[in-house]
Amino acid sequence: MKIRKRVLPTGWYPATARDCEFDIRSFVNDFVPPAGEWTSGVAPHAGWYFSGKPAARVLKTLASSKAPDVAVVFGGHLPGGHRPIVYTEDAWETPFGNLTMNAGLADELIAETGAMAAPDTFSDNTVEIQLPFVKWFFSKSILVAAHSPASMAASSFAASLCDLLKRRRLSAVFLGSADLTHYGRNYDFAPQGTGDDAVKWVKEVNDRTVVNKALAMDSEGIVSDAARLHNTCSPGPIVSAITCASMHGSRRGHLIDYFTSYDVMPGSSFVGYAAIVY
């Protein structure tokens, strides 16, 4: 059995099951998922200290109406012209134990879409940071993990995956992993200077633009704005999540939460986080 090991250090999420459980319970304490049949979502992927709460609440909402055969996580951080990346292991290590994967299903997805298999040395936070949540809320589900490019190819890739799962008669939930505006000197992006005005602009203008388009399921607008406005590091996962939601009958998203890392730890550089379900 081929198992993909944890790569992110403990600053991203805890090392033990006990500590992960403590954090997850605190993230969802007193949170009541909105009523509905939820199929897909968008969650941030910073370290749990910053964005664990909205991510956990997206997963809890999806779990409130689904006990799926498969849990799909679309990661990001790929440029627009890159091929999708698919993980082909038999399992992925988490503090709660291994998440079961299906290498045959992954190979079939690669063959149908022209995606590439993730190299053994490939490491990225956008998928791994979500996996303890997936294991906690969907402990009996098979994991399908992939990365979607920052282009409309993310939509066709997701559609192919949905078709494959349908042919296999497998039910699924879908998660797109994406942070929003990366603002400040750390990210070489500060068109509104610094201070309160910059924070207000990110929240009320730049991030609001991508959130509104995500809620309206405007995939082309999200891809275009990401390149033009730099308001998300990973438009591909959002587009993939929207495509899967649309194929399962969704027509509009629901915003669970939004804030920035500035609200957690004020600083001249900060990142926006949104939690959306479909």
C-alpha atoms as a PDB file:
ATOM      1  CA  MET A   1       0.000   0.000   0.000  1.00  0.00           C
ATOM      2  CA  LYS A   2       1.333   3.408  -1.005  1.00  0.00           C
ATOM      3  CA  ILE A   3       0.655   6.090   1.605  1.00  0.00           C
ATOM      4  CA  ARG A   4       1.303   9.809   1.142  1.00  0.00           C
ATOM      5  CA  LYS A   5       2.830  11.140   4.322  1.00  0.00           C
ATOM      6  CA  ARG A   6       2.146  14.372   6.102  1.00  0.00           C
ATOM      7  CA  VAL A   7       4.472  17.159   4.955  1.00  0.00           C
ATOM      8  CA  LEU A   8       3.206  20.358   6.614  1.00  0.00           C
ATOM      9  CA  PRO A   9       4.780  21.128  10.003  1.00  0.00           C
ATOM     10  CA  THR A  10       2.673  21.408  13.141  1.00  0.00           C
ATOM     11  CA  GLY A  11       2.332  25.169  12.774  1.00  0.00           C
ATOM     12  CA  TRP A  12      -0.217  24.447  10.059  1.00  0.00           C
ATOM     13  CA  TYR A  13      -2.338  21.991  12.041  1.00  0.00           C
ATOM     14  CA  PRO A  14      -1.780  19.885  15.168  1.00  0.00           C
ATOM     15  CA  ALA A  15       0.301  16.737  15.235  1.00  0.00           C
ATOM     16  CA  THR A  16      -1.978  14.542  17.308  1.00  0.00           C
ATOM     17  CA  ALA A  17      -5.540  13.292  17.013  1.00  0.00           C
ATOM     18  CA  ARG A  18      -6.341  14.655  20.452  1.00  0.00           C
ATOM     19  CA  ASP A  19      -5.202  18.187  19.577  1.00  0.00           C
ATOM     20  CA  CYS A  20      -6.918  18.088  16.185  1.00  0.00           C
ATOM     21  CA  GLU A  21     -10.152  16.979  17.833  1.00  0.00           C
ATOM     22  CA  PHE A  22      -9.892  19.778  20.406  1.00  0.00           C
ATOM     23  CA  ASP A  23      -9.449  22.373  17.653  1.00  0.00           C
ATOM     24  CA  ILE A  24     -12.217  21.025  15.434  1.00  0.00           C
ATOM     25  CA  ARG A  25     -14.695  20.915  18.305  1.00  0.00           C
ATOM     26  CA  SER A  26     -13.815  24.504  19.199  1.00  0.00           C
ATOM     27  CA  PHE A  27     -14.190  25.599  15.558  1.00  0.00           C
ATOM     28  CA  VAL A  28     -17.723  24.225  15.234  1.00  0.00           C
ATOM     29  CA  ASN A  29     -18.914  24.779  18.807  1.00  0.00           C
ATOM     30  CA  ASP A  30     -22.369  26.420  18.733  1.00  0.00           C
ATOM     31  CA  PHE A  31     -22.298  26.483  14.914  1.00  0.00           C
ATOM     32  CA  VAL A  32     -25.587  25.345  13.375  1.00  0.00           C
ATOM     33  CA  PRO A  33     -25.271  24.539   9.649  1.00  0.00           C
ATOM     34  CA  PRO A  34     -27.770  26.335   7.441  1.00  0.00           C
ATOM     35  CA  ALA A  35     -30.702  24.205   6.355  1.00  0.00           C
ATOM     36  CA  GLY A  36     -30.367  22.668   2.923  1.00  0.00           C
ATOM     37  CA  GLU A  37     -28.961  19.857   0.815  1.00  0.00           C
ATOM     38  CA  TRP A  38     -25.330  20.888   0.449  1.00  0.00           C
ATOM     39  CA  THR A  39     -23.098  19.296  -2.173  1.00  0.00           C
ATOM     40  CA  SER A  40     -20.090  21.547  -2.639  1.00  0.00           C
ATOM     41  CA  GLY A  41     -18.123  24.249  -0.867  1.00  0.00           C
ATOM     42  CA  VAL A  42     -15.174  26.642  -0.846  1.00  0.00           C
ATOM     43  CA  ALA A  43     -12.892  26.805   2.203  1.00  0.00           C
ATOM     44  CA  PRO A  44      -9.665  28.701   2.995  1.00  0.00           C
ATOM     45  CA  HIS A  45      -6.355  26.907   3.387  1.00  0.00           C
ATOM     46  CA  ALA A  46      -4.160  28.923   5.753  1.00  0.00           C
ATOM     47  CA  GLY A  47      -2.950  27.383   8.981  1.00  0.00           C
ATOM     48  CA  TRP A  48      -5.714  26.363  11.364  1.00  0.00           C
ATOM     49  CA  TYR A  49      -4.915  29.244  13.736  1.00  0.00           C
ATOM     50  CA  PHE A  50      -5.995  31.671  11.043  1.00  0.00           C
ATOM     51  CA  SER A  51      -8.597  29.921   8.906  1.00  0.00           C
ATOM     52  CA  GLY A  52      -9.424  26.626  10.553  1.00  0.00           C
ATOM     53  CA  LYS A  53     -12.783  27.806  11.865  1.00  0.00           C
ATOM     54  CA  PRO A  54     -14.405  28.709   8.509  1.00  0.00           C
ATOM     55  CA  ALA A  55     -12.947  25.614   6.829  1.00  0.00           C
ATOM     56  CA  ALA A  56     -14.292  23.309   9.540  1.00  0.00           C
ATOM     57  CA  ARG A  57     -17.706  24.944   9.284  1.00  0.00           C
ATOM     58  CA  VAL A  58     -17.861  24.354   5.554  1.00  0.00           C
ATOM     59  CA  LEU A  59     -17.072  20.672   6.098  1.00  0.00           C
ATOM     60  CA  LYS A  60     -19.619  20.408   8.913  1.00  0.00           C
ATOM     61  CA  THR A  61     -22.264  21.956   6.673  1.00  0.00           C
ATOM     62  CA  LEU A  62     -21.536  19.499   3.879  1.00  0.00           C
ATOM     63  CA  ALA A  63     -21.639  16.633   6.375  1.00  0.00           C
ATOM     64  CA  SER A  64     -24.981  17.815   7.760  1.00  0.00           C
ATOM     65  CA  SER A  65     -26.810  16.593   4.655  1.00  0.00           C
ATOM     66  CA  LYS A  66     -24.455  14.086   3.034  1.00  0.00           C
ATOM     67  CA  ALA A  67     -22.838  10.751   3.893  1.00  0.00           C
ATOM     68  CA  PRO A  68     -21.050  10.346   0.562  1.00  0.00           C
ATOM     69  CA  ASP A  69     -19.023   7.538  -0.938  1.00  0.00           C
ATOM     70  CA  VAL A  70     -16.344  10.026  -1.989  1.00  0.00           C
ATOM     71  CA  ALA A  71     -14.987  13.304  -0.610  1.00  0.00           C
ATOM     72  CA  VAL A  72     -13.236  15.363  -3.287  1.00  0.00           C
ATOM     73  CA  VAL A  73     -10.719  18.094  -2.441  1.00  0.00           C
ATOM     74  CA  PHE A  74      -9.638  20.431  -5.224  1.00  0.00           C
ATOM     75  CA  GLY A  75      -6.378  22.162  -4.306  1.00  0.00           C
ATOM     76  CA  GLY A  76      -4.879  25.152  -6.067  1.00  0.00           C
ATOM     77  CA  HIS A  77      -1.656  27.142  -6.495  1.00  0.00           C
ATOM     78  CA  LEU A  78      -1.400  26.111 -10.159  1.00  0.00           C
ATOM     79  CA  PRO A  79      -0.948  28.588 -13.028  1.00  0.00           C
ATOM     80  CA  GLY A  80      -3.553  28.749 -15.744  1.00  0.00           C
ATOM     81  CA  GLY A  81      -1.663  26.731 -18.319  1.00  0.00           C
ATOM     82  CA  HIS A  82      -0.756  23.876 -16.006  1.00  0.00           C
ATOM     83  CA  ARG A  83      -2.322  20.434 -16.331  1.00  0.00           C
ATOM     84  CA  PRO A  84      -4.460  19.336 -13.386  1.00  0.00           C
ATOM     85  CA  ILE A  85      -2.617  17.246 -10.818  1.00  0.00           C
ATOM     86  CA  VAL A  86      -4.130  14.103  -9.292  1.00  0.00           C
ATOM     87  CA  TYR A  87      -2.870  12.185  -6.273  1.00  0.00           C
ATOM     88  CA  THR A  88      -2.601   8.444  -6.970  1.00  0.00           C
ATOM     89  CA  GLU A  89      -1.748   6.928  -3.571  1.00  0.00           C
ATOM     90  CA  ASP A  90      -3.834   4.315  -1.775  1.00  0.00           C
ATOM     91  CA  ALA A  91      -4.144   6.460   1.353  1.00  0.00           C
ATOM     92  CA  TRP A  92      -3.057   9.778   2.880  1.00  0.00           C
ATOM     93  CA  GLU A  93      -1.757  10.077   6.432  1.00  0.00           C
ATOM     94  CA  THR A  94      -3.651  12.284   8.914  1.00  0.00           C
ATOM     95  CA  PRO A  95      -3.504  12.561  12.715  1.00  0.00           C
ATOM     96  CA  PHE A  96      -6.828  10.673  12.840  1.00  0.00           C
ATOM     97  CA  GLY A  97      -5.439   7.797  10.784  1.00  0.00           C
ATOM     98  CA  ASN A  98      -5.110   7.198   7.085  1.00  0.00           C
ATOM     99  CA  LEU A  99      -7.658   8.564   4.639  1.00  0.00           C
ATOM    100  CA  THR A 100      -8.471   5.826   2.136  1.00  0.00           C
ATOM    101  CA  MET A 101      -7.937   6.683  -1.522  1.00  0.00           C
ATOM    102  CA  ASN A 102      -8.590   4.761  -4.744  1.00  0.00           C
ATOM    103  CA  ALA A 103      -5.568   4.602  -7.034  1.00  0.00           C
ATOM    104  CA  GLY A 104      -7.598   2.954  -9.796  1.00  0.00           C
ATOM    105  CA  LEU A 105     -10.127   5.785  -9.788  1.00  0.00           C
ATOM    106  CA  ALA A 106      -7.313   8.334  -9.845  1.00  0.00           C
ATOM    107  CA  ASP A 107      -5.627   6.581 -12.772  1.00  0.00           C
ATOM    108  CA  GLU A 108      -8.901   6.552 -14.682  1.00  0.00           C
ATOM    109  CA  LEU A 109      -9.364  10.283 -14.053  1.00  0.00           C
ATOM    110  CA  ILE A 110      -5.850  10.967 -15.329  1.00  0.00           C
ATOM    111  CA  ALA A 111      -6.464   8.892 -18.461  1.00  0.00           C
ATOM    112  CA  GLU A 112      -9.720  10.703 -19.238  1.00  0.00           C
ATOM    113  CA  THR A 113      -8.559  14.264 -18.566  1.00  0.00           C
ATOM    114  CA  GLY A 114      -4.863  14.358 -19.451  1.00  0.00           C
ATOM    115  CA  ALA A 115      -4.040  15.343 -15.868  1.00  0.00           C
ATOM    116  CA  MET A 116      -0.693  14.408 -14.386  1.00  0.00           C
ATOM    117  CA  ALA A 117      -0.004  12.236 -11.371  1.00  0.00           C
ATOM    118  CA  ALA A 118       1.368  14.115  -8.369  1.00  0.00           C
ATOM    119  CA  PRO A 119       5.086  13.358  -7.975  1.00  0.00           C
ATOM    120  CA  ASP A 120       6.174  11.773  -4.711  1.00  0.00           C
ATOM    121  CA  THR A 121       8.053  14.955  -3.855  1.00  0.00           C
ATOM    122  CA  PHE A 122       5.122  17.290  -4.645  1.00  0.00           C
ATOM    123  CA  SER A 123       4.051  19.307  -1.590  1.00  0.00           C
ATOM    124  CA  ASP A 124       1.331  21.923  -1.258  1.00  0.00           C
ATOM    125  CA  ASN A 125      -0.778  23.135   1.650  1.00  0.00           C
ATOM    126  CA  THR A 126      -4.048  23.628  -0.234  1.00  0.00           C
ATOM    127  CA  VAL A 127      -5.039  19.954  -0.090  1.00  0.00           C
ATOM    128  CA  GLU A 128      -3.223  18.657   2.978  1.00  0.00           C
ATOM    129  CA  ILE A 129      -4.537  21.356   5.327  1.00  0.00           C
ATOM    130  CA  GLN A 130      -8.114  20.139   4.676  1.00  0.00           C
ATOM    131  CA  LEU A 131      -7.542  16.422   5.206  1.00  0.00           C
ATOM    132  CA  PRO A 132      -7.936  16.163   8.989  1.00  0.00           C
ATOM    133  CA  PHE A 133     -11.301  17.904   8.532  1.00  0.00           C
ATOM    134  CA  VAL A 134     -12.238  15.428   5.817  1.00  0.00           C
ATOM    135  CA  LYS A 135     -11.215  12.478   7.997  1.00  0.00           C
ATOM    136  CA  TRP A 136     -13.183  13.845  10.958  1.00  0.00           C
ATOM    137  CA  PHE A 137     -16.406  14.714   9.123  1.00  0.00           C
ATOM    138  CA  PHE A 138     -16.307  12.011   6.405  1.00  0.00           C
ATOM    139  CA  SER A 139     -14.472   9.157   8.080  1.00  0.00           C
ATOM    140  CA  LYS A 140     -16.064   6.486   5.865  1.00  0.00           C
ATOM    141  CA  SER A 141     -15.591   8.305   2.558  1.00  0.00           C
ATOM    142  CA  ILE A 142     -12.899   7.661  -0.030  1.00  0.00           C
ATOM    143  CA  LEU A 143     -10.681  10.667  -0.742  1.00  0.00           C
ATOM    144  CA  VAL A 144     -10.107  11.991  -4.247  1.00  0.00           C
ATOM    145  CA  ALA A 145      -7.510  14.778  -4.146  1.00  0.00           C
ATOM    146  CA  ALA A 146      -6.420  16.927  -7.075  1.00  0.00           C
ATOM    147  CA  HIS A 147      -5.224  20.401  -8.041  1.00  0.00           C
ATOM    148  CA  SER A 148      -7.124  22.568 -10.515  1.00  0.00           C
ATOM    149  CA  PRO A 149      -5.378  25.131 -12.736  1.00  0.00           C
ATOM    150  CA  ALA A 150      -6.173  28.842 -12.684  1.00  0.00           C
ATOM    151  CA  SER A 151      -8.226  28.711 -15.866  1.00  0.00           C
ATOM    152  CA  MET A 152     -11.552  27.454 -17.173  1.00  0.00           C
ATOM    153  CA  ALA A 153      -9.831  24.109 -17.649  1.00  0.00           C
ATOM    154  CA  ALA A 154     -10.682  23.704 -13.942  1.00  0.00           C
ATOM    155  CA  SER A 155     -14.329  23.473 -14.976  1.00  0.00           C
ATOM    156  CA  SER A 156     -13.888  20.817 -17.650  1.00  0.00           C
ATOM    157  CA  PHE A 157     -11.639  18.831 -15.301  1.00  0.00           C
ATOM    158  CA  ALA A 158     -14.272  18.898 -12.548  1.00  0.00           C
ATOM    159  CA  ALA A 159     -17.028  17.993 -15.011  1.00  0.00           C
ATOM    160  CA  SER A 160     -15.050  14.944 -16.129  1.00  0.00           C
ATOM    161  CA  LEU A 161     -14.617  13.886 -12.519  1.00  0.00           C
ATOM    162  CA  CYS A 162     -18.348  14.264 -11.854  1.00  0.00           C
ATOM    163  CA  ASP A 163     -19.144  12.195 -14.945  1.00  0.00           C
ATOM    164  CA  LEU A 164     -16.712   9.494 -13.833  1.00  0.00           C
ATOM    165  CA  LEU A 165     -18.256   9.323 -10.370  1.00  0.00           C
ATOM    166  CA  LYS A 166     -21.739   9.175 -11.873  1.00  0.00           C
ATOM    167  CA  ARG A 167     -20.767   6.268 -14.109  1.00  0.00           C
ATOM    168  CA  ARG A 168     -19.339   4.516 -11.081  1.00  0.00           C
ATOM    169  CA  ARG A 169     -22.563   5.306  -9.166  1.00  0.00           C
ATOM    170  CA  LEU A 170     -20.595   6.998  -6.410  1.00  0.00           C
ATOM    171  CA  SER A 171     -22.088   9.852  -4.401  1.00  0.00           C
ATOM    172  CA  ALA A 172     -19.741  12.696  -3.494  1.00  0.00           C
ATOM    173  CA  VAL A 173     -19.164  16.028  -1.827  1.00  0.00           C
ATOM    174  CA  PHE A 174     -16.737  18.543  -3.305  1.00  0.00           C
ATOM    175  CA  LEU A 175     -14.442  21.090  -1.663  1.00  0.00           C
ATOM    176  CA  GLY A 176     -12.531  23.858  -3.406  1.00  0.00           C
ATOM    177  CA  SER A 177      -9.563  25.096  -1.348  1.00  0.00           C
ATOM    178  CA  ALA A 178      -8.824  28.796  -1.882  1.00  0.00           C
ATOM    179  CA  ASP A 179      -7.702  31.919  -0.033  1.00  0.00           C
ATOM    180  CA  LEU A 180      -8.618  35.387  -1.268  1.00  0.00           C
ATOM    181  CA  THR A 181      -6.596  38.613  -1.603  1.00  0.00           C
ATOM    182  CA  HIS A 182      -2.983  38.380  -0.416  1.00  0.00           C
ATOM    183  CA  TYR A 183      -2.243  41.985   0.515  1.00  0.00           C
ATOM    184  CA  GLY A 184       0.896  43.788   1.608  1.00  0.00           C
ATOM    185  CA  ARG A 185       4.645  43.774   1.221  1.00  0.00           C
ATOM    186  CA  ASN A 186       4.901  40.046   1.877  1.00  0.00           C
ATOM    187  CA  TYR A 187       2.932  39.460  -1.320  1.00  0.00           C
ATOM    188  CA  ASP A 188       4.194  42.407  -3.423  1.00  0.00           C
ATOM    189  CA  PHE A 189       0.636  43.705  -3.704  1.00  0.00           C
ATOM    190  CA  ALA A 190      -0.390  46.930  -1.960  1.00  0.00           C
ATOM    191  CA  PRO A 191      -2.300  49.186  -4.383  1.00  0.00           C
ATOM    192  CA  GLN A 192      -4.109  50.959  -1.519  1.00  0.00           C
ATOM    193  CA  GLY A 193      -1.110  51.584   0.699  1.00  0.00           C
ATOM    194  CA  THR A 194      -1.291  50.466   4.331  1.00  0.00           C
ATOM    195  CA  GLY A 195      -3.500  50.879   7.362  1.00  0.00           C
ATOM    196  CA  ASP A 196      -7.253  50.866   7.847  1.00  0.00           C
ATOM    197  CA  ASP A 197      -8.015  52.074   4.326  1.00  0.00           C
ATOM    198  CA  ALA A 198      -6.145  49.125   2.838  1.00  0.00           C
ATOM    199  CA  VAL A 199      -7.993  46.640   5.044  1.00  0.00           C
ATOM    200  CA  LYS A 200     -11.332  48.226   4.165  1.00  0.00           C
ATOM    201  CA  TRP A 201     -10.538  48.105   0.442  1.00  0.00           C
ATOM    202  CA  VAL A 202      -9.628  44.419   0.580  1.00  0.00           C
ATOM    203  CA  LYS A 203     -12.782  43.531   2.504  1.00  0.00           C
ATOM    204  CA  GLU A 204     -15.305  45.755   0.760  1.00  0.00           C
ATOM    205  CA  VAL A 205     -13.931  45.904  -2.776  1.00  0.00           C
ATOM    206  CA  ASN A 206     -11.368  43.329  -3.839  1.00  0.00           C
ATOM    207  CA  ASP A 207     -12.539  40.329  -1.830  1.00  0.00           C
ATOM    208  CA  ARG A 208     -16.183  41.330  -2.149  1.00  0.00           C
ATOM    209  CA  THR A 209     -15.814  41.084  -5.925  1.00  0.00           C
ATOM    210  CA  VAL A 210     -14.684  37.457  -5.897  1.00  0.00           C
ATOM    211  CA  VAL A 211     -17.132  36.471  -3.135  1.00  0.00           C
ATOM    212  CA  ASN A 212     -20.074  37.920  -5.059  1.00  0.00           C
ATOM    213  CA  LYS A 213     -19.043  36.091  -8.227  1.00  0.00           C
ATOM    214  CA  ALA A 214     -18.539  32.858  -6.312  1.00  0.00           C
ATOM    215  CA  LEU A 215     -22.031  33.194  -4.837  1.00  0.00           C
ATOM    216  CA  ALA A 216     -23.425  33.876  -8.306  1.00  0.00           C
ATOM    217  CA  MET A 217     -21.421  30.911  -9.658  1.00  0.00           C
ATOM    218  CA  ASP A 218     -19.728  33.124 -12.256  1.00  0.00           C
ATOM    219  CA  SER A 219     -16.705  30.948 -13.039  1.00  0.00           C
ATOM    220  CA  GLU A 220     -15.434  32.954 -16.006  1.00  0.00           C
ATOM    221  CA  GLY A 221     -15.605  36.147 -13.963  1.00  0.00           C
ATOM    222  CA  ILE A 222     -13.638  34.543 -11.140  1.00  0.00           C
ATOM    223  CA  VAL A 223     -10.845  33.414 -13.469  1.00  0.00           C
ATOM    224  CA  SER A 224     -10.712  36.808 -15.180  1.00  0.00           C
ATOM    225  CA  ASP A 225     -10.696  38.784 -11.939  1.00  0.00           C
ATOM    226  CA  ALA A 226      -8.052  36.585 -10.324  1.00  0.00           C
ATOM    227  CA  ALA A 227      -5.624  37.526 -13.094  1.00  0.00           C
ATOM    228  CA  ARG A 228      -6.652  41.178 -13.159  1.00  0.00           C
ATOM    229  CA  LEU A 229      -7.391  41.986  -9.521  1.00  0.00           C
ATOM    230  CA  HIS A 230      -5.262  39.405  -7.673  1.00  0.00           C
ATOM    231  CA  ASN A 231      -8.198  38.615  -5.389  1.00  0.00           C
ATOM    232  CA  THR A 232      -7.567  34.892  -4.980  1.00  0.00           C
ATOM    233  CA  CYS A 233      -4.482  32.709  -5.051  1.00  0.00           C
ATOM    234  CA  SER A 234      -6.500  29.740  -6.358  1.00  0.00           C
ATOM    235  CA  PRO A 235      -9.362  30.484  -8.745  1.00  0.00           C
ATOM    236  CA  GLY A 236      -9.228  26.943 -10.136  1.00  0.00           C
ATOM    237  CA  PRO A 237     -10.562  25.169  -7.018  1.00  0.00           C
ATOM    238  CA  ILE A 238     -13.413  27.682  -6.746  1.00  0.00           C
ATOM    239  CA  VAL A 239     -14.347  27.049 -10.383  1.00  0.00           C
ATOM    240  CA  SER A 240     -14.146  23.289  -9.890  1.00  0.00           C
ATOM    241  CA  ALA A 241     -16.373  23.465  -6.816  1.00  0.00           C
ATOM    242  CA  ILE A 242     -18.877  25.620  -8.692  1.00  0.00           C
ATOM    243  CA  THR A 243     -18.929  23.234 -11.655  1.00  0.00           C
ATOM    244  CA  CYS A 244     -19.648  20.234  -9.428  1.00  0.00           C
ATOM    245  CA  ALA A 245     -22.322  22.193  -7.575  1.00  0.00           C
ATOM    246  CA  SER A 246     -23.975  23.200 -10.834  1.00  0.00           C
ATOM    247  CA  MET A 247     -23.963  19.634 -12.096  1.00  0.00           C
ATOM    248  CA  HIS A 248     -25.783  18.631  -8.911  1.00  0.00           C
ATOM    249  CA  GLY A 249     -28.475  21.280  -9.291  1.00  0.00           C
ATOM    250  CA  SER A 250     -27.122  24.279  -7.367  1.00  0.00           C
ATOM    251  CA  ARG A 251     -27.876  27.719  -8.734  1.00  0.00           C
ATOM    252  CA  ARG A 252     -26.379  29.999  -6.075  1.00  0.00           C
ATOM    253  CA  GLY A 253     -23.942  29.811  -3.185  1.00  0.00           C
ATOM    254  CA  HIS A 254     -24.431  30.638   0.487  1.00  0.00           C
ATOM    255  CA  LEU A 255     -21.819  32.611   2.444  1.00  0.00           C
ATOM    256  CA  ILE A 256     -21.140  31.096   5.865  1.00  0.00           C
ATOM    257  CA  ASP A 257     -18.309  33.375   6.957  1.00  0.00           C
ATOM    258  CA  TYR A 258     -15.786  35.937   5.767  1.00  0.00           C
ATOM    259  CA  PHE A 259     -12.882  37.694   7.483  1.00  0.00           C
ATOM    260  CA  THR A 260      -9.151  38.307   6.986  1.00  0.00           C
ATOM    261  CA  SER A 261      -6.024  37.282   8.838  1.00  0.00           C
ATOM    262  CA  TYR A 262      -5.823  40.943   9.917  1.00  0.00           C
ATOM    263  CA  ASP A 263      -8.845  40.254  12.145  1.00  0.00           C
ATOM    264  CA  VAL A 264      -6.907  37.425  13.807  1.00  0.00           C
ATOM    265  CA  MET A 265      -3.460  39.038  13.908  1.00  0.00           C
ATOM    266  CA  PRO A 266      -3.265  42.648  12.661  1.00  0.00           C
ATOM    267  CA  GLY A 267      -0.344  43.391  10.389  1.00  0.00           C
ATOM    268  CA  SER A 268       0.666  45.223   7.241  1.00  0.00           C
ATOM    269  CA  SER A 269       0.376  41.979   5.239  1.00  0.00           C
ATOM    270  CA  PHE A 270      -2.792  39.905   5.445  1.00  0.00           C
ATOM    271  CA  VAL A 271      -5.029  37.429   3.563  1.00  0.00           C
ATOM    272  CA  GLY A 272      -8.783  37.148   3.005  1.00  0.00           C
ATOM    273  CA  TYR A 273     -10.825  34.030   3.848  1.00  0.00           C
ATOM    274  CA  ALA A 274     -14.326  33.050   2.734  1.00  0.00           C
ATOM    275  CA  ALA A 275     -16.456  30.028   3.603  1.00  0.00           C
ATOM    276  CA  ILE A 276     -19.093  29.247   0.957  1.00  0.00           C
ATOM    277  CA  VAL A 277     -21.412  26.308   0.397  1.00  0.00           C
ATOM    278  CA  TYR A 278     -23.600  25.252  -2.539  1.00  0.00           C
END
